Amino acid sequence: MIDQQWELKEKGVFVGHLSIGTFIQSGTAGDPDIIAEAWYNLYEKKHSFEETFPKGIDPTKL
């Protein structure tokens, strides 16, 4: 995936992945609007191709 990310970046395409480690439910930390904002920030900043949601969660500990 990382090689594809760089190949596509050269063509102006952003490849990103947001790992969601919570239940998705309105009115909670997993509110769809909050998750959408995290996706948008990942796309807008383009500083990494993969992040976890919520911040600081360690998927290896789940």
Protein backbone atom coordinates (compact mmCIF):
# COMPACT_ATOMS: atom_id res chain seq x y z
CA MET A 1 0.00 0.00 0.00
CA ILE A 2 2.80 2.42 0.81
CA ASP A 3 4.34 2.09 -2.67
CA GLN A 4 0.94 2.70 -4.25
CA GLN A 5 0.48 5.74 -2.03
CA TRP A 6 3.64 7.39 -3.39
CA GLU A 7 2.89 6.41 -6.98
CA LEU A 8 -0.60 7.90 -6.75
CA LYS A 9 0.62 10.99 -4.86
CA GLU A 10 2.74 11.87 -7.89
CA LYS A 11 -0.51 11.86 -9.89
CA GLY A 12 -2.31 14.10 -7.39
CA VAL A 13 -4.30 11.29 -5.74
CA PHE A 14 -4.36 10.99 -1.94
CA VAL A 15 -4.64 7.52 -0.38
CA GLY A 16 -5.68 7.47 3.27
CA HIS A 17 -7.03 5.08 5.88
CA LEU A 18 -8.77 5.88 9.17
CA SER A 19 -8.94 2.96 11.61
CA ILE A 20 -12.03 3.40 13.77
CA GLY A 21 -11.70 1.85 17.23
CA THR A 22 -15.04 2.76 18.75
CA PHE A 23 -18.75 2.15 18.30
CA ILE A 24 -20.32 4.49 15.77
CA GLN A 25 -23.32 6.14 17.43
CA SER A 26 -24.69 9.67 17.49
CA GLY A 27 -24.09 11.61 20.69
CA THR A 28 -20.99 9.59 21.67
CA ALA A 29 -17.25 9.82 21.02
CA GLY A 30 -18.02 7.77 17.90
CA ASP A 31 -20.53 10.28 16.54
CA PRO A 32 -20.59 10.06 12.72
CA ASP A 33 -20.08 13.83 12.44
CA ILE A 34 -16.92 13.63 14.56
CA ILE A 35 -15.63 10.70 12.50
CA ALA A 36 -16.38 12.61 9.28
CA GLU A 37 -14.35 15.53 10.62
CA ALA A 38 -11.42 13.18 11.37
CA TRP A 39 -11.60 11.83 7.79
CA TYR A 40 -11.69 15.35 6.39
CA ASN A 41 -8.71 16.43 8.50
CA LEU A 42 -6.73 13.40 7.30
CA TYR A 43 -7.51 14.35 3.71
CA GLU A 44 -6.95 18.07 4.19
CA LYS A 45 -3.58 17.82 5.98
CA LYS A 46 -2.24 14.83 4.03
CA HIS A 47 0.53 14.45 6.62
CA SER A 48 0.09 10.69 6.90
CA PHE A 49 -1.80 8.02 5.05
CA GLU A 50 -3.09 6.22 8.17
CA GLU A 51 -4.51 7.39 11.49
CA THR A 52 -6.55 5.90 14.29
CA PHE A 53 -9.81 7.20 15.74
CA PRO A 54 -10.11 8.23 18.46
CA LYS A 55 -6.58 9.62 18.72
CA GLY A 56 -4.19 7.69 20.89
CA ILE A 57 -5.91 4.31 20.62
CA ASP A 58 -3.52 1.39 20.14
CA PRO A 59 -5.19 -1.17 17.85
CA THR A 60 -2.78 -3.86 19.07
CA LYS A 61 -4.31 -3.55 22.55
CA LEU A 62 -7.90 -4.20 21.43
